[in-house]
Protein backbone atom coordinates (compact mmCIF):
# COMPACT_ATOMS: atom_id res chain seq x y z
CA MET A 1 0.00 0.00 0.00
CA THR A 2 1.30 3.43 -0.93
CA GLU A 3 2.00 5.54 2.12
CA GLN A 4 -0.17 8.67 2.18
CA PRO A 5 1.67 11.96 2.67
CA GLY A 6 1.20 13.68 6.01
CA PRO A 7 0.17 17.30 6.50
CA ARG A 8 2.49 19.87 4.98
CA THR A 9 4.84 21.42 7.53
CA THR A 10 6.56 23.89 5.21
CA TYR A 11 5.26 26.46 2.76
CA ARG A 12 6.27 27.10 -0.80
CA HIS A 13 7.73 30.55 -1.39
CA GLY A 14 5.03 33.18 -0.91
CA ASP A 15 2.41 30.89 0.62
CA LEU A 16 3.35 31.47 4.24
CA ARG A 17 3.29 35.24 3.94
CA ARG A 18 -0.19 35.07 2.46
CA ALA A 19 -1.34 32.64 5.14
CA LEU A 20 -0.03 34.91 7.90
CA ILE A 21 -1.80 37.94 6.43
CA GLU A 22 -5.04 35.99 6.10
CA ALA A 23 -4.79 34.81 9.71
CA GLY A 24 -4.03 38.35 10.83
CA THR A 25 -6.97 39.67 8.85
CA GLU A 26 -9.34 37.30 10.62
CA LEU A 27 -7.96 38.40 13.98
CA ALA A 28 -8.41 42.04 12.96
CA ARG A 29 -11.98 41.31 11.93
CA GLU A 30 -12.63 39.91 15.40
CA GLY A 31 -10.86 42.54 17.47
CA GLY A 32 -9.23 45.30 15.44
CA PRO A 33 -5.49 45.96 15.11
CA ASP A 34 -4.69 45.18 18.75
CA ALA A 35 -5.87 41.60 18.18
CA VAL A 36 -3.18 40.98 15.56
CA VAL A 37 -0.66 39.15 17.76
CA LEU A 38 2.25 37.26 16.19
CA ARG A 39 1.89 34.17 18.34
CA GLU A 40 -1.81 33.76 17.55
CA VAL A 41 -1.29 34.57 13.88
CA THR A 42 1.35 31.87 13.54
CA ARG A 43 -0.75 29.40 15.52
CA ARG A 44 -3.63 29.88 13.12
CA ALA A 45 -1.30 29.56 10.16
CA GLY A 46 0.06 26.32 11.61
CA VAL A 47 3.69 27.37 12.02
CA THR A 48 6.01 28.32 14.84
CA PRO A 49 6.29 32.00 15.86
CA ASN A 50 9.85 32.19 14.55
CA ALA A 51 8.62 31.32 11.05
CA ALA A 52 6.88 34.70 10.80
CA TYR A 53 10.17 36.57 10.99
CA ARG A 54 11.17 35.25 7.59
CA HIS A 55 8.46 37.50 6.14
CA PHE A 56 7.90 40.24 8.73
CA ALA A 57 10.61 41.99 10.72
CA ASP A 58 8.31 42.48 13.69
CA LYS A 59 4.69 42.76 14.75
CA SER A 60 4.48 46.28 13.36
CA ALA A 61 5.34 45.03 9.88
CA LEU A 62 2.68 42.32 10.13
CA VAL A 63 0.04 44.81 11.30
CA ARG A 64 0.92 47.06 8.38
CA ALA A 65 0.40 44.20 5.93
CA VAL A 66 -2.95 43.39 7.55
CA SER A 67 -3.87 47.09 7.38
CA LEU A 68 -3.26 47.07 3.64
CA ALA A 69 -5.41 43.94 3.28
CA ALA A 70 -8.19 45.73 5.18
CA GLN A 71 -7.84 48.71 2.84
CA SER A 72 -8.32 46.36 -0.10
CA ARG A 73 -11.56 45.08 1.38
CA LEU A 74 -12.69 48.65 2.03
CA ALA A 75 -11.94 49.56 -1.58
CA ALA A 76 -14.00 46.56 -2.70
CA ALA A 77 -16.97 47.78 -0.64
CA MET A 78 -16.71 51.23 -2.23
CA GLU A 79 -16.45 49.71 -5.71
CA GLU A 80 -19.52 47.59 -5.01
CA GLU A 81 -21.55 50.69 -4.17
CA GLN A 82 -20.37 52.39 -7.34
CA SER A 83 -21.13 49.36 -9.49
CA ALA A 84 -24.77 49.59 -8.42
CA ILE A 85 -25.06 52.90 -10.24
CA ALA A 86 -26.18 52.28 -13.81
CA ASP A 87 -24.33 54.15 -16.51
CA ASP A 88 -26.31 56.77 -18.37
CA VAL A 89 -26.98 54.48 -21.32
CA ASP A 90 -30.47 55.84 -21.98
CA GLY A 91 -29.80 59.49 -21.28
CA ARG A 92 -31.99 59.42 -18.20
CA LYS A 93 -29.20 60.58 -15.89
CA SER A 94 -27.07 63.58 -16.76
CA VAL A 95 -23.28 63.39 -16.64
CA ALA A 96 -23.35 65.73 -13.65
CA ALA A 97 -25.91 63.66 -11.76
CA LEU A 98 -23.99 60.47 -12.49
CA ALA A 99 -20.75 61.99 -11.20
CA GLN A 100 -22.51 63.14 -8.03
CA ALA A 101 -24.03 59.69 -7.52
CA LYS A 102 -20.60 58.09 -7.85
CA LEU A 103 -19.18 60.42 -5.20
CA ARG A 104 -22.01 59.57 -2.82
CA ALA A 105 -21.45 55.87 -3.53
CA VAL A 106 -17.82 56.18 -2.43
CA GLY A 107 -18.96 57.60 0.90
CA ALA A 108 -21.81 55.12 1.27
CA GLY A 109 -19.44 52.19 0.73
CA TYR A 110 -17.04 53.63 3.29
CA LEU A 111 -19.77 54.02 5.92
CA ARG A 112 -21.28 50.60 5.21
CA PHE A 113 -17.90 48.92 5.60
CA ALA A 114 -17.30 50.71 8.91
CA GLN A 115 -20.57 49.40 10.30
CA THR A 116 -20.44 45.86 8.93
CA GLU A 117 -16.69 45.29 9.43
CA PRO A 118 -15.72 47.53 12.34
CA GLY A 119 -12.66 45.48 13.23
CA LEU A 120 -11.23 45.67 9.73
CA PHE A 121 -12.24 49.33 9.43
CA ARG A 122 -10.27 50.19 12.58
CA THR A 123 -7.34 48.23 11.19
CA ALA A 124 -7.36 49.71 7.69
CA PHE A 125 -5.53 52.85 8.74
CA ALA A 126 -3.66 51.53 11.77
CA ASN A 127 0.11 51.48 12.17
CA HIS A 128 0.57 54.91 10.58
CA VAL A 129 -0.55 53.80 7.13
CA ASP A 130 -0.65 56.83 4.82
CA ILE A 131 -3.86 56.94 2.80
CA ARG A 132 -1.92 58.64 -0.02
CA ASP A 133 0.43 55.70 -0.55
CA ALA A 134 0.57 54.27 -4.05
CA ALA A 135 -1.74 51.35 -4.78
CA THR A 136 -0.32 47.86 -4.43
CA GLU A 137 -1.80 44.45 -5.03
CA GLU A 138 -2.31 44.18 -1.28
CA SER A 139 -4.04 47.54 -0.74
CA ALA A 140 -6.18 48.01 -3.85
CA GLY A 141 -9.58 46.76 -4.86
CA ALA A 142 -10.45 44.86 -8.02
CA HIS A 143 -9.89 47.93 -10.19
CA GLY A 144 -6.42 48.56 -8.83
CA ARG A 145 -7.39 51.62 -6.80
CA THR A 146 -7.10 52.27 -3.07
CA PRO A 147 -9.96 53.84 -1.08
CA PHE A 148 -8.26 57.25 -1.25
CA GLN A 149 -7.74 56.93 -5.01
CA LEU A 150 -11.39 55.97 -5.52
CA LEU A 151 -12.40 59.17 -3.74
CA SER A 152 -9.92 61.19 -5.82
CA ASP A 153 -11.27 59.66 -9.02
CA ALA A 154 -14.83 60.56 -8.05
CA LEU A 155 -13.83 64.16 -7.38
CA ASP A 156 -12.02 64.34 -10.72
CA GLU A 157 -15.22 63.16 -12.40
CA LEU A 158 -17.08 66.03 -10.74
CA VAL A 159 -14.60 68.46 -12.29
CA ASP A 160 -14.93 66.80 -15.70
CA ALA A 161 -18.71 67.00 -15.41
CA GLY A 162 -18.60 70.71 -14.57
CA VAL A 163 -20.01 70.19 -11.07
CA LEU A 164 -16.83 71.08 -9.17
CA SER A 165 -14.72 73.98 -10.34
CA ALA A 166 -11.04 73.25 -10.91
CA ASP A 167 -9.97 75.97 -8.46
CA ARG A 168 -11.86 74.19 -5.64
CA ARG A 169 -10.56 70.73 -6.51
CA GLY A 170 -7.29 70.98 -4.60
CA GLY A 171 -7.49 69.33 -1.18
CA ALA A 172 -11.14 68.34 -1.60
CA GLU A 173 -10.20 64.72 -0.76
CA PHE A 174 -9.17 65.69 2.74
CA VAL A 175 -12.36 67.63 3.45
CA ALA A 176 -14.60 64.84 2.16
CA TRP A 177 -12.60 62.08 3.85
CA SER A 178 -12.53 63.84 7.21
CA SER A 179 -16.28 64.34 7.20
CA VAL A 180 -17.22 60.78 6.30
CA HIS A 181 -14.57 59.20 8.52
CA GLY A 182 -15.78 61.31 11.43
CA LEU A 183 -19.32 59.99 11.14
CA ALA A 184 -18.05 56.43 10.74
CA MET A 185 -16.05 56.65 13.98
CA LEU A 186 -18.88 58.33 15.88
CA VAL A 187 -21.21 55.50 14.89
CA ILE A 188 -18.93 52.56 15.68
CA ASP A 189 -16.88 53.93 18.59
CA GLY A 190 -18.47 57.19 19.71
CA PRO A 191 -21.64 58.73 21.11
CA LEU A 192 -23.69 57.83 18.03
CA ARG A 193 -23.39 54.10 18.71
CA GLY A 194 -26.97 54.09 19.97
CA LEU A 195 -28.52 55.18 16.66
CA ASP A 196 -30.81 52.59 15.15
CA ALA A 197 -30.48 51.47 11.52
CA THR A 198 -32.92 54.08 10.21
CA GLN A 199 -31.23 56.93 12.06
CA ARG A 200 -27.83 55.83 10.79
CA LEU A 201 -29.10 55.74 7.23
CA VAL A 202 -30.62 59.21 7.50
CA ALA A 203 -27.44 60.60 9.06
CA ALA A 204 -25.34 59.03 6.31
CA GLN A 205 -27.55 60.38 3.53
CA ARG A 206 -27.59 63.88 4.99
CA LEU A 207 -23.83 63.89 5.49
CA LEU A 208 -23.13 62.71 1.94
CA GLU A 209 -25.41 65.42 0.57
CA MET A 210 -23.58 68.02 2.67
CA VAL A 211 -20.20 66.81 1.40
CA GLN A 212 -21.41 66.81 -2.20
CA ASN A 213 -22.86 70.30 -1.95
CA GLY A 214 -20.13 71.78 0.23
CA ILE A 215 -16.89 70.89 -1.53
């Protein structure tokens, strides 16, 4: 009888790093960035703690990688909201209205992710991750764009559509981001935690209208 191979105890090049990030992402989903502990990550990946140091210099490097993975999931949520907006194939929605809807979708996806994946949301920008960093395979969504780049693209579309004047475009990302991020944090970690689903939806809609009209 041919002897059956036992469980794999080593990883091919690249597999272990991915497994560690996936394990860290699940821990972040459960408890935010503070839950990403090297010993538990390696236990879930099925390796010894020392094995992690072949791919990450320290815990901070691992948390950064998990943060980028969380950004990718956030970008996917924003892209999903945008994909629900039908293109103006029949002329029923003006270019301006479509651009405005895409901007609101970016914010709606951001807020939805914060409420449905609070652990990953808290982790997405942990460990001093700069939202302006260039997109990588680890940090981008399906279209190769990070959350910050998706917002920037939506604002550029407003300029192209004649909704936002070019002289007001500079720095608009930071104003819009600060507003939406503030509501997200108030709802998941602040004094607005007690809002019910309807109140959260109304608050989100009003905020996104204010951002659209105020930039």
